[in-house]
Amino acid sequence: MAHDGPVSAGLHDCRNAWVETLEALAAEDERIVAVVNDSTGSSKLGGFQKKFPDRLINVGIAEQLMVGVGAGLANGGRIPFVSAASCFLTGRSLEQVKADVAYANFNVKLVGQSSGVAYGELGATHHSIEDLAWLRPLTNITVIAPADAWETAEAVKWAAAHEGPVYLRLSRMPVPNLDMPGRVFTAGKAELVRSGSDVTVIACGTTVHLAAEAADKLADKGLSVRVLNMATINPLDEAAVLAAARETGAIVTVEEASVRGGLGGAVAELTAGECPVPVERLGFPGFVPTGSTEWLFEEFGLSVPGISAAVRKVLDRVKR
């Protein structure tokens, strides 16, 4: 079903949704524990620590150990939510994520905070634009980048109930909730945000509301733009992508991540093999400069004008 309502004007921090949901789940299930790398504040886990002081484990700045502790807790029957800035959670402990979580298929929930370029002014060492490319190829891990606070809460609930590894990719940048009554979160399924027949924009995370706004502006100019919220990057909703390719003939992907290996890479790989159509990938081409998150979004086209330009560019390729 298409949801063609306007985007809500209010902005919400998805981290608030994650901790409120985690606290509610922990009150009902004593198996739920939190593991952090001296990031209780930025992970917003202060309230969790007060309510469940014996169920928060702070390992200090030791991300490899943190993931190992999470794997051990899972092996012992707990449901650990392992939280840290995503650049350090995935970059420093990739071997442990691969071997101790994915290969072992342990029930660990990895929560990457402040993903993308949320730490804009801190530069490339703190940007987390490679994490999707690192984790997407790993067997067993479900990779989810929620679009808003509502979807974040639903994804946390799903992760807690799901038996197996999960990576939740959260931002610290406030975003509006998509105003779409009757929403249902289903891991592995794309959400139709706007219906359209001329071109499809597939977005995830913080860029979904921008894609919806761009589609609305392009509709005023006579273009029918389908928008898909692809919150689950692994496993990808291949049926939705291929339907978009066949029915609209052109695709733009938008993500606060590297254009190589993430959502854009997954879509390009699939369409190249099954239904070749022009695909324009919006994201970051490599290391990006130091600057505010807002400036980086504008500079690299992750904006309403940038998405609109990419739509026109891909449609020009169709006409050739």
C-alpha atoms as a PDB file:
ATOM      1  CA  MET A   1       0.000   0.000   0.000  1.00  0.00           C
ATOM      2  CA  ALA A   2       1.269   3.453  -0.861  1.00  0.00           C
ATOM      3  CA  HIS A   3       1.459   6.083   1.872  1.00  0.00           C
ATOM      4  CA  ASP A   4       1.306   9.507   0.268  1.00  0.00           C
ATOM      5  CA  GLY A   5       0.864  11.654   3.369  1.00  0.00           C
ATOM      6  CA  PRO A   6       3.137  14.595   4.200  1.00  0.00           C
ATOM      7  CA  VAL A   7       6.290  14.299   6.254  1.00  0.00           C
ATOM      8  CA  SER A   8       5.793  15.301   9.893  1.00  0.00           C
ATOM      9  CA  ALA A   9       7.272  18.666  10.842  1.00  0.00           C
ATOM     10  CA  GLY A  10       8.599  17.461  14.228  1.00  0.00           C
ATOM     11  CA  LEU A  11      12.163  16.188  14.573  1.00  0.00           C
ATOM     12  CA  HIS A  12      13.088  13.194  16.724  1.00  0.00           C
ATOM     13  CA  ASP A  13      16.352  11.675  17.954  1.00  0.00           C
ATOM     14  CA  CYS A  14      16.252   7.978  17.107  1.00  0.00           C
ATOM     15  CA  ARG A  15      18.518   7.261  20.077  1.00  0.00           C
ATOM     16  CA  ASN A  16      15.714   8.264  22.430  1.00  0.00           C
ATOM     17  CA  ALA A  17      13.401   5.793  20.738  1.00  0.00           C
ATOM     18  CA  TRP A  18      16.000   3.041  21.032  1.00  0.00           C
ATOM     19  CA  VAL A  19      16.611   3.418  24.764  1.00  0.00           C
ATOM     20  CA  GLU A  20      12.958   3.910  25.683  1.00  0.00           C
ATOM     21  CA  THR A  21      12.104   0.728  23.828  1.00  0.00           C
ATOM     22  CA  LEU A  22      15.054  -1.176  25.298  1.00  0.00           C
ATOM     23  CA  GLU A  23      14.081  -0.184  28.843  1.00  0.00           C
ATOM     24  CA  ALA A  24      10.502  -1.322  28.282  1.00  0.00           C
ATOM     25  CA  LEU A  25      11.676  -4.650  26.858  1.00  0.00           C
ATOM     26  CA  ALA A  26      14.189  -5.158  29.680  1.00  0.00           C
ATOM     27  CA  ALA A  27      11.446  -4.631  32.265  1.00  0.00           C
ATOM     28  CA  GLU A  28       9.636  -7.592  30.742  1.00  0.00           C
ATOM     29  CA  ASP A  29      12.598  -9.840  29.966  1.00  0.00           C
ATOM     30  CA  GLU A  30      15.474 -10.193  32.408  1.00  0.00           C
ATOM     31  CA  ARG A  31      17.631 -11.801  29.727  1.00  0.00           C
ATOM     32  CA  ILE A  32      18.139  -8.403  28.075  1.00  0.00           C
ATOM     33  CA  VAL A  33      21.441  -6.738  28.974  1.00  0.00           C
ATOM     34  CA  ALA A  34      23.391  -3.778  27.610  1.00  0.00           C
ATOM     35  CA  VAL A  35      27.134  -3.740  26.874  1.00  0.00           C
ATOM     36  CA  VAL A  36      28.922  -0.459  26.141  1.00  0.00           C
ATOM     37  CA  ASN A  37      32.414   0.879  25.483  1.00  0.00           C
ATOM     38  CA  ASP A  38      32.459   3.772  27.944  1.00  0.00           C
ATOM     39  CA  SER A  39      29.687   5.377  25.872  1.00  0.00           C
ATOM     40  CA  THR A  40      26.791   5.251  28.314  1.00  0.00           C
ATOM     41  CA  GLY A  41      26.104   8.938  27.686  1.00  0.00           C
ATOM     42  CA  SER A  42      26.206   9.027  23.883  1.00  0.00           C
ATOM     43  CA  SER A  43      24.386   5.698  23.729  1.00  0.00           C
ATOM     44  CA  LYS A  44      21.693   7.274  25.941  1.00  0.00           C
ATOM     45  CA  LEU A  45      21.885   4.350  28.376  1.00  0.00           C
ATOM     46  CA  GLY A  46      22.000   6.381  31.601  1.00  0.00           C
ATOM     47  CA  GLY A  47      18.358   5.639  32.373  1.00  0.00           C
ATOM     48  CA  PHE A  48      18.857   1.951  31.623  1.00  0.00           C
ATOM     49  CA  GLN A  49      21.806   1.874  34.007  1.00  0.00           C
ATOM     50  CA  LYS A  50      19.736   3.416  36.821  1.00  0.00           C
ATOM     51  CA  LYS A  51      16.857   0.996  36.316  1.00  0.00           C
ATOM     52  CA  PHE A  52      18.971  -2.103  35.740  1.00  0.00           C
ATOM     53  CA  PRO A  53      22.395  -1.418  37.323  1.00  0.00           C
ATOM     54  CA  ASP A  54      23.381  -5.088  37.275  1.00  0.00           C
ATOM     55  CA  ARG A  55      22.455  -5.457  33.603  1.00  0.00           C
ATOM     56  CA  LEU A  56      24.722  -2.817  32.057  1.00  0.00           C
ATOM     57  CA  ILE A  57      28.335  -3.821  31.461  1.00  0.00           C
ATOM     58  CA  ASN A  58      30.811  -1.052  30.662  1.00  0.00           C
ATOM     59  CA  VAL A  59      34.006  -2.580  29.285  1.00  0.00           C
ATOM     60  CA  GLY A  60      35.720   0.750  28.687  1.00  0.00           C
ATOM     61  CA  ILE A  61      37.274   1.752  25.380  1.00  0.00           C
ATOM     62  CA  ALA A  62      37.817  -1.834  24.267  1.00  0.00           C
ATOM     63  CA  GLU A  63      35.456  -2.569  21.408  1.00  0.00           C
ATOM     64  CA  GLN A  64      36.932  -5.962  20.495  1.00  0.00           C
ATOM     65  CA  LEU A  65      36.491  -7.107  24.082  1.00  0.00           C
ATOM     66  CA  MET A  66      33.003  -5.593  24.128  1.00  0.00           C
ATOM     67  CA  VAL A  67      31.839  -7.708  21.192  1.00  0.00           C
ATOM     68  CA  GLY A  68      33.450 -10.788  22.739  1.00  0.00           C
ATOM     69  CA  VAL A  69      31.623 -10.136  26.007  1.00  0.00           C
ATOM     70  CA  GLY A  70      28.391  -9.818  24.055  1.00  0.00           C
ATOM     71  CA  ALA A  71      29.024 -13.141  22.332  1.00  0.00           C
ATOM     72  CA  GLY A  72      29.732 -14.802  25.668  1.00  0.00           C
ATOM     73  CA  LEU A  73      26.534 -13.423  27.165  1.00  0.00           C
ATOM     74  CA  ALA A  74      24.549 -14.668  24.188  1.00  0.00           C
ATOM     75  CA  ASN A  75      26.147 -18.088  24.521  1.00  0.00           C
ATOM     76  CA  GLY A  76      24.960 -18.082  28.126  1.00  0.00           C
ATOM     77  CA  GLY A  77      21.351 -17.391  27.210  1.00  0.00           C
ATOM     78  CA  ARG A  78      21.238 -13.606  27.561  1.00  0.00           C
ATOM     79  CA  ILE A  79      20.106 -11.150  24.881  1.00  0.00           C
ATOM     80  CA  PRO A  80      22.925  -8.580  24.729  1.00  0.00           C
ATOM     81  CA  PHE A  81      22.529  -5.203  23.029  1.00  0.00           C
ATOM     82  CA  VAL A  82      26.109  -4.101  22.327  1.00  0.00           C
ATOM     83  CA  SER A  83      26.186  -0.348  21.794  1.00  0.00           C
ATOM     84  CA  ALA A  84      28.921   2.027  20.641  1.00  0.00           C
ATOM     85  CA  ALA A  85      29.650   4.631  17.998  1.00  0.00           C
ATOM     86  CA  SER A  86      29.290   2.672  14.779  1.00  0.00           C
ATOM     87  CA  CYS A  87      32.694   3.725  13.438  1.00  0.00           C
ATOM     88  CA  PHE A  88      34.370   1.995  16.401  1.00  0.00           C
ATOM     89  CA  LEU A  89      31.880  -0.836  16.893  1.00  0.00           C
ATOM     90  CA  THR A  90      32.364  -2.061  13.329  1.00  0.00           C
ATOM     91  CA  GLY A  91      35.853  -0.816  12.445  1.00  0.00           C
ATOM     92  CA  ARG A  92      37.799  -1.833  15.521  1.00  0.00           C
ATOM     93  CA  SER A  93      36.014  -5.109  16.151  1.00  0.00           C
ATOM     94  CA  LEU A  94      35.254  -6.378  12.666  1.00  0.00           C
ATOM     95  CA  GLU A  95      37.116  -9.645  13.253  1.00  0.00           C
ATOM     96  CA  GLN A  96      35.130 -10.312  16.428  1.00  0.00           C
ATOM     97  CA  VAL A  97      31.873  -9.416  14.679  1.00  0.00           C
ATOM     98  CA  LYS A  98      32.749 -11.817  11.868  1.00  0.00           C
ATOM     99  CA  ALA A  99      33.992 -14.754  13.948  1.00  0.00           C
ATOM    100  CA  ASP A 100      32.316 -14.445  17.352  1.00  0.00           C
ATOM    101  CA  VAL A 101      28.939 -13.137  16.211  1.00  0.00           C
ATOM    102  CA  ALA A 102      28.252 -13.924  12.532  1.00  0.00           C
ATOM    103  CA  TYR A 103      30.147 -17.205  12.099  1.00  0.00           C
ATOM    104  CA  ALA A 104      29.063 -18.457  15.526  1.00  0.00           C
ATOM    105  CA  ASN A 105      25.526 -17.216  14.755  1.00  0.00           C
ATOM    106  CA  PHE A 106      25.159 -15.931  18.307  1.00  0.00           C
ATOM    107  CA  ASN A 107      22.146 -13.922  19.386  1.00  0.00           C
ATOM    108  CA  VAL A 108      23.980 -10.572  19.674  1.00  0.00           C
ATOM    109  CA  LYS A 109      22.354  -7.251  18.831  1.00  0.00           C
ATOM    110  CA  LEU A 110      24.940  -4.716  17.648  1.00  0.00           C
ATOM    111  CA  VAL A 111      23.756  -1.112  17.909  1.00  0.00           C
ATOM    112  CA  GLY A 112      25.857   1.351  15.933  1.00  0.00           C
ATOM    113  CA  GLN A 113      25.296   4.870  17.237  1.00  0.00           C
ATOM    114  CA  SER A 114      25.986   8.167  15.442  1.00  0.00           C
ATOM    115  CA  SER A 115      26.425   6.457  12.094  1.00  0.00           C
ATOM    116  CA  GLY A 116      27.197   8.086   8.768  1.00  0.00           C
ATOM    117  CA  VAL A 117      28.601  11.595   9.175  1.00  0.00           C
ATOM    118  CA  ALA A 118      26.792  12.455  12.402  1.00  0.00           C
ATOM    119  CA  TYR A 119      30.208  13.284  13.936  1.00  0.00           C
ATOM    120  CA  GLY A 120      30.842  15.642  11.020  1.00  0.00           C
ATOM    121  CA  GLU A 121      33.305  18.047  12.608  1.00  0.00           C
ATOM    122  CA  LEU A 122      35.404  15.209  14.073  1.00  0.00           C
ATOM    123  CA  GLY A 123      36.459  14.103  10.615  1.00  0.00           C
ATOM    124  CA  ALA A 124      37.091  10.841   8.811  1.00  0.00           C
ATOM    125  CA  THR A 125      38.228   8.896  11.884  1.00  0.00           C
ATOM    126  CA  HIS A 126      34.747   9.337  13.383  1.00  0.00           C
ATOM    127  CA  HIS A 127      32.676   9.139  10.213  1.00  0.00           C
ATOM    128  CA  SER A 128      31.024   5.749   9.800  1.00  0.00           C
ATOM    129  CA  ILE A 129      30.369   5.414   6.098  1.00  0.00           C
ATOM    130  CA  GLU A 130      31.965   2.001   5.484  1.00  0.00           C
ATOM    131  CA  ASP A 131      30.000  -0.041   8.039  1.00  0.00           C
ATOM    132  CA  LEU A 132      27.273  -1.212   5.652  1.00  0.00           C
ATOM    133  CA  ALA A 133      29.891  -2.467   3.188  1.00  0.00           C
ATOM    134  CA  TRP A 134      31.730  -4.287   5.979  1.00  0.00           C
ATOM    135  CA  LEU A 135      28.713  -5.999   7.536  1.00  0.00           C
ATOM    136  CA  ARG A 136      26.400  -6.597   4.572  1.00  0.00           C
ATOM    137  CA  PRO A 137      28.432  -9.559   3.200  1.00  0.00           C
ATOM    138  CA  LEU A 138      28.495 -11.359   6.567  1.00  0.00           C
ATOM    139  CA  THR A 139      26.270 -14.411   6.720  1.00  0.00           C
ATOM    140  CA  ASN A 140      23.572 -14.509   9.426  1.00  0.00           C
ATOM    141  CA  ILE A 141      23.579 -10.778  10.335  1.00  0.00           C
ATOM    142  CA  THR A 142      20.424  -8.800   9.650  1.00  0.00           C
ATOM    143  CA  VAL A 143      21.425  -5.187   8.887  1.00  0.00           C
ATOM    144  CA  ILE A 144      18.794  -2.514   9.576  1.00  0.00           C
ATOM    145  CA  ALA A 145      19.010   1.284   9.150  1.00  0.00           C
ATOM    146  CA  PRO A 146      15.714   2.721  10.465  1.00  0.00           C
ATOM    147  CA  ALA A 147      14.274   5.807   8.786  1.00  0.00           C
ATOM    148  CA  ASP A 148      12.838   7.490  11.875  1.00  0.00           C
ATOM    149  CA  ALA A 149      12.102   7.160  15.592  1.00  0.00           C
ATOM    150  CA  TRP A 150       8.993   5.044  15.068  1.00  0.00           C
ATOM    151  CA  GLU A 151      10.854   2.570  12.887  1.00  0.00           C
ATOM    152  CA  THR A 152      13.757   2.540  15.348  1.00  0.00           C
ATOM    153  CA  ALA A 153      11.448   1.459  18.164  1.00  0.00           C
ATOM    154  CA  GLU A 154       9.896  -1.242  15.995  1.00  0.00           C
ATOM    155  CA  ALA A 155      13.317  -2.469  14.861  1.00  0.00           C
ATOM    156  CA  VAL A 156      14.525  -2.750  18.473  1.00  0.00           C
ATOM    157  CA  LYS A 157      11.433  -4.808  19.348  1.00  0.00           C
ATOM    158  CA  TRP A 158      11.998  -7.017  16.331  1.00  0.00           C
ATOM    159  CA  ALA A 159      15.697  -7.452  17.133  1.00  0.00           C
ATOM    160  CA  ALA A 160      14.944  -8.514  20.712  1.00  0.00           C
ATOM    161  CA  ALA A 161      12.478 -11.149  19.516  1.00  0.00           C
ATOM    162  CA  HIS A 162      14.613 -12.363  16.608  1.00  0.00           C
ATOM    163  CA  GLU A 163      16.924 -15.295  17.254  1.00  0.00           C
ATOM    164  CA  GLY A 164      20.196 -14.350  15.589  1.00  0.00           C
ATOM    165  CA  PRO A 165      22.691 -11.510  15.055  1.00  0.00           C
ATOM    166  CA  VAL A 166      21.373  -8.050  14.196  1.00  0.00           C
ATOM    167  CA  TYR A 167      23.088  -4.760  13.380  1.00  0.00           C
ATOM    168  CA  LEU A 168      20.982  -1.662  14.036  1.00  0.00           C
ATOM    169  CA  ARG A 169      22.421   1.465  12.421  1.00  0.00           C
ATOM    170  CA  LEU A 170      21.269   4.592  14.259  1.00  0.00           C
ATOM    171  CA  SER A 171      22.004   8.289  13.802  1.00  0.00           C
ATOM    172  CA  ARG A 172      22.200  11.127  16.297  1.00  0.00           C
ATOM    173  CA  MET A 173      20.806  13.553  13.715  1.00  0.00           C
ATOM    174  CA  PRO A 174      17.142  14.402  14.470  1.00  0.00           C
ATOM    175  CA  VAL A 175      14.762  13.396  11.694  1.00  0.00           C
ATOM    176  CA  PRO A 176      10.999  13.676  11.196  1.00  0.00           C
ATOM    177  CA  ASN A 177       8.740  10.671  11.605  1.00  0.00           C
ATOM    178  CA  LEU A 178       7.160   9.709   8.306  1.00  0.00           C
ATOM    179  CA  ASP A 179       3.469  10.548   8.560  1.00  0.00           C
ATOM    180  CA  MET A 180       2.095   7.252   7.287  1.00  0.00           C
ATOM    181  CA  PRO A 181      -0.801   5.818   9.309  1.00  0.00           C
ATOM    182  CA  GLY A 182      -1.037   2.078   9.628  1.00  0.00           C
ATOM    183  CA  ARG A 183       2.658   1.388   9.224  1.00  0.00           C
ATOM    184  CA  VAL A 184       3.914  -2.109   9.986  1.00  0.00           C
ATOM    185  CA  PHE A 185       7.630  -2.860  10.290  1.00  0.00           C
ATOM    186  CA  THR A 186       8.679  -6.117   8.680  1.00  0.00           C
ATOM    187  CA  ALA A 187      12.382  -6.903   8.592  1.00  0.00           C
ATOM    188  CA  GLY A 188      13.521  -7.724   5.082  1.00  0.00           C
ATOM    189  CA  LYS A 189      10.631  -5.889   3.407  1.00  0.00           C
ATOM    190  CA  ALA A 190      10.751  -2.497   1.730  1.00  0.00           C
ATOM    191  CA  GLU A 191       8.182   0.117   2.713  1.00  0.00           C
ATOM    192  CA  LEU A 192       6.410   1.985  -0.074  1.00  0.00           C
ATOM    193  CA  VAL A 193       6.586   5.643   0.942  1.00  0.00           C
ATOM    194  CA  ARG A 194       5.471   7.167  -2.367  1.00  0.00           C
ATOM    195  CA  SER A 195       3.904   5.459  -5.365  1.00  0.00           C
ATOM    196  CA  GLY A 196       5.263   6.314  -8.813  1.00  0.00           C
ATOM    197  CA  SER A 197       5.889   5.012 -12.307  1.00  0.00           C
ATOM    198  CA  ASP A 198       8.651   7.143 -13.898  1.00  0.00           C
ATOM    199  CA  VAL A 199      11.586   6.345 -11.621  1.00  0.00           C
ATOM    200  CA  THR A 200      12.246   4.791  -8.198  1.00  0.00           C
ATOM    201  CA  VAL A 201      14.260   6.276  -5.347  1.00  0.00           C
ATOM    202  CA  ILE A 202      15.411   3.659  -2.839  1.00  0.00           C
ATOM    203  CA  ALA A 203      16.642   5.171   0.431  1.00  0.00           C
ATOM    204  CA  CYS A 204      17.481   4.104   3.965  1.00  0.00           C
ATOM    205  CA  GLY A 205      18.043   5.729   7.317  1.00  0.00           C
ATOM    206  CA  THR A 206      18.273   9.498   7.569  1.00  0.00           C
ATOM    207  CA  THR A 207      17.743  10.049   3.847  1.00  0.00           C
ATOM    208  CA  VAL A 208      14.247   8.568   3.499  1.00  0.00           C
ATOM    209  CA  HIS A 209      12.361  11.722   4.476  1.00  0.00           C
ATOM    210  CA  LEU A 210      14.523  13.709   2.050  1.00  0.00           C
ATOM    211  CA  ALA A 211      13.672  11.287  -0.751  1.00  0.00           C
ATOM    212  CA  ALA A 212       9.963  11.656   0.036  1.00  0.00           C
ATOM    213  CA  GLU A 213      10.217  15.437  -0.021  1.00  0.00           C
ATOM    214  CA  ALA A 214      12.088  15.347  -3.334  1.00  0.00           C
ATOM    215  CA  ALA A 215       9.398  13.086  -4.798  1.00  0.00           C
ATOM    216  CA  ASP A 216       6.704  15.543  -3.726  1.00  0.00           C
ATOM    217  CA  LYS A 217       8.517  18.468  -5.358  1.00  0.00           C
ATOM    218  CA  LEU A 218       9.124  16.495  -8.548  1.00  0.00           C
ATOM    219  CA  ALA A 219       5.445  15.518  -8.631  1.00  0.00           C
ATOM    220  CA  ASP A 220       4.632  19.226  -8.871  1.00  0.00           C
ATOM    221  CA  LYS A 221       6.751  19.233 -12.041  1.00  0.00           C
ATOM    222  CA  GLY A 222       4.965  16.255 -13.560  1.00  0.00           C
ATOM    223  CA  LEU A 223       7.321  13.433 -12.557  1.00  0.00           C
ATOM    224  CA  SER A 224       5.928  10.311 -10.883  1.00  0.00           C
ATOM    225  CA  VAL A 225       8.566   9.115  -8.413  1.00  0.00           C
ATOM    226  CA  ARG A 226       8.269   5.909  -6.421  1.00  0.00           C
ATOM    227  CA  VAL A 227      10.044   6.016  -3.043  1.00  0.00           C
ATOM    228  CA  LEU A 228      11.021   2.867  -1.160  1.00  0.00           C
ATOM    229  CA  ASN A 229      12.276   2.856   2.418  1.00  0.00           C
ATOM    230  CA  MET A 230      14.777  -0.009   2.347  1.00  0.00           C
ATOM    231  CA  ALA A 231      15.433  -0.131   6.080  1.00  0.00           C
ATOM    232  CA  THR A 232      16.762  -3.676   5.863  1.00  0.00           C
ATOM    233  CA  ILE A 233      19.932  -3.717   3.792  1.00  0.00           C
ATOM    234  CA  ASN A 234      20.619  -7.379   4.530  1.00  0.00           C
ATOM    235  CA  PRO A 235      18.631  -9.348   3.547  1.00  0.00           C
ATOM    236  CA  LEU A 236      17.614  -7.027   0.728  1.00  0.00           C
ATOM    237  CA  ASP A 237      14.006  -7.040  -0.466  1.00  0.00           C
ATOM    238  CA  GLU A 238      14.957  -8.281  -3.910  1.00  0.00           C
ATOM    239  CA  ALA A 239      11.343  -8.563  -5.095  1.00  0.00           C
ATOM    240  CA  ALA A 240      10.711  -4.867  -4.397  1.00  0.00           C
ATOM    241  CA  VAL A 241      13.922  -3.805  -6.153  1.00  0.00           C
ATOM    242  CA  LEU A 242      13.252  -5.915  -9.237  1.00  0.00           C
ATOM    243  CA  ALA A 243       9.641  -4.732  -9.397  1.00  0.00           C
ATOM    244  CA  ALA A 244      10.908  -1.154  -9.291  1.00  0.00           C
ATOM    245  CA  ALA A 245      13.399  -1.871 -12.062  1.00  0.00           C
ATOM    246  CA  ARG A 246      10.811  -3.505 -14.308  1.00  0.00           C
ATOM    247  CA  GLU A 247       7.983  -1.071 -13.617  1.00  0.00           C
ATOM    248  CA  THR A 248       9.845   2.254 -13.559  1.00  0.00           C
ATOM    249  CA  GLY A 249      12.970   1.519 -15.605  1.00  0.00           C
ATOM    250  CA  ALA A 250      15.404   3.603 -13.542  1.00  0.00           C
ATOM    251  CA  ILE A 251      16.601   3.703  -9.921  1.00  0.00           C
ATOM    252  CA  VAL A 252      18.307   6.206  -7.635  1.00  0.00           C
ATOM    253  CA  THR A 253      19.723   4.960  -4.325  1.00  0.00           C
ATOM    254  CA  VAL A 254      20.316   7.327  -1.415  1.00  0.00           C
ATOM    255  CA  GLU A 255      22.226   6.509   1.774  1.00  0.00           C
ATOM    256  CA  GLU A 256      24.329   8.239   4.410  1.00  0.00           C
ATOM    257  CA  ALA A 257      27.134   5.825   3.615  1.00  0.00           C
ATOM    258  CA  SER A 258      29.736   4.937   1.025  1.00  0.00           C
ATOM    259  CA  VAL A 259      28.384   4.464  -2.495  1.00  0.00           C
ATOM    260  CA  ARG A 260      30.448   1.265  -2.605  1.00  0.00           C
ATOM    261  CA  GLY A 261      29.202  -1.858  -0.881  1.00  0.00           C
ATOM    262  CA  GLY A 262      26.126  -0.542   0.933  1.00  0.00           C
ATOM    263  CA  LEU A 263      22.547  -0.086  -0.243  1.00  0.00           C
ATOM    264  CA  GLY A 264      23.600   1.282  -3.636  1.00  0.00           C
ATOM    265  CA  GLY A 265      26.007  -1.590  -4.146  1.00  0.00           C
ATOM    266  CA  ALA A 266      23.370  -4.162  -3.225  1.00  0.00           C
ATOM    267  CA  VAL A 267      20.817  -2.670  -5.618  1.00  0.00           C
ATOM    268  CA  ALA A 268      23.355  -2.353  -8.453  1.00  0.00           C
ATOM    269  CA  GLU A 269      24.541  -5.941  -8.002  1.00  0.00           C
ATOM    270  CA  LEU A 270      21.005  -7.291  -8.108  1.00  0.00           C
ATOM    271  CA  THR A 271      19.754  -5.284 -11.064  1.00  0.00           C
ATOM    272  CA  ALA A 272      22.907  -5.895 -13.081  1.00  0.00           C
ATOM    273  CA  GLY A 273      22.293  -9.617 -12.903  1.00  0.00           C
ATOM    274  CA  GLU A 274      18.506  -9.799 -13.037  1.00  0.00           C
ATOM    275  CA  CYS A 275      17.072  -6.664 -14.669  1.00  0.00           C
ATOM    276  CA  PRO A 276      19.672  -4.172 -15.954  1.00  0.00           C
ATOM    277  CA  VAL A 277      18.450  -0.582 -15.683  1.00  0.00           C
ATOM    278  CA  PRO A 278      20.284   2.715 -15.082  1.00  0.00           C
ATOM    279  CA  VAL A 279      21.152   3.099 -11.385  1.00  0.00           C
ATOM    280  CA  GLU A 280      22.384   6.384  -9.918  1.00  0.00           C
ATOM    281  CA  ARG A 281      23.968   5.997  -6.468  1.00  0.00           C
ATOM    282  CA  LEU A 282      23.965   8.901  -4.010  1.00  0.00           C
ATOM    283  CA  GLY A 283      26.240   8.697  -1.004  1.00  0.00           C
ATOM    284  CA  PHE A 284      29.886   9.370  -0.214  1.00  0.00           C
ATOM    285  CA  PRO A 285      32.545   8.477  -2.818  1.00  0.00           C
ATOM    286  CA  GLY A 286      35.343   8.052  -0.270  1.00  0.00           C
ATOM    287  CA  PHE A 287      36.751   9.814   2.774  1.00  0.00           C
ATOM    288  CA  VAL A 288      34.855  13.054   3.225  1.00  0.00           C
ATOM    289  CA  PRO A 289      36.189  16.318   4.642  1.00  0.00           C
ATOM    290  CA  THR A 290      35.636  17.703   8.092  1.00  0.00           C
ATOM    291  CA  GLY A 291      32.487  19.775   8.328  1.00  0.00           C
ATOM    292  CA  SER A 292      29.037  19.931   9.811  1.00  0.00           C
ATOM    293  CA  THR A 293      26.628  17.120   9.047  1.00  0.00           C
ATOM    294  CA  GLU A 294      24.301  19.558   7.324  1.00  0.00           C
ATOM    295  CA  TRP A 295      27.085  20.886   5.093  1.00  0.00           C
ATOM    296  CA  LEU A 296      28.250  17.377   4.178  1.00  0.00           C
ATOM    297  CA  PHE A 297      24.723  16.380   3.191  1.00  0.00           C
ATOM    298  CA  GLU A 298      24.449  19.397   0.923  1.00  0.00           C
ATOM    299  CA  GLU A 299      27.961  19.052  -0.503  1.00  0.00           C
ATOM    300  CA  PHE A 300      27.458  15.413  -1.532  1.00  0.00           C
ATOM    301  CA  GLY A 301      23.903  15.674  -2.802  1.00  0.00           C
ATOM    302  CA  LEU A 302      22.087  14.086   0.136  1.00  0.00           C
ATOM    303  CA  SER A 303      19.472  16.818   0.016  1.00  0.00           C
ATOM    304  CA  VAL A 304      16.178  17.488  -1.703  1.00  0.00           C
ATOM    305  CA  PRO A 305      17.879  19.375  -4.576  1.00  0.00           C
ATOM    306  CA  GLY A 306      20.602  16.723  -4.801  1.00  0.00           C
ATOM    307  CA  ILE A 307      18.132  13.839  -4.969  1.00  0.00           C
ATOM    308  CA  SER A 308      16.027  15.733  -7.505  1.00  0.00           C
ATOM    309  CA  ALA A 309      19.109  16.280  -9.672  1.00  0.00           C
ATOM    310  CA  ALA A 310      20.007  12.584  -9.463  1.00  0.00           C
ATOM    311  CA  VAL A 311      16.481  11.653 -10.566  1.00  0.00           C
ATOM    312  CA  ARG A 312      16.768  13.899 -13.621  1.00  0.00           C
ATOM    313  CA  LYS A 313      20.251  12.532 -14.353  1.00  0.00           C
ATOM    314  CA  VAL A 314      19.132   8.909 -14.325  1.00  0.00           C
ATOM    315  CA  LEU A 315      16.101   9.728 -16.469  1.00  0.00           C
ATOM    316  CA  ASP A 316      18.415  11.373 -19.010  1.00  0.00           C
ATOM    317  CA  ARG A 317      20.336   8.101 -19.190  1.00  0.00           C
ATOM    318  CA  VAL A 318      17.092   6.256 -19.925  1.00  0.00           C
ATOM    319  CA  LYS A 319      16.333   8.571 -22.842  1.00  0.00           C
ATOM    320  CA  ARG A 320      19.697   8.043 -24.546  1.00  0.00           C
END
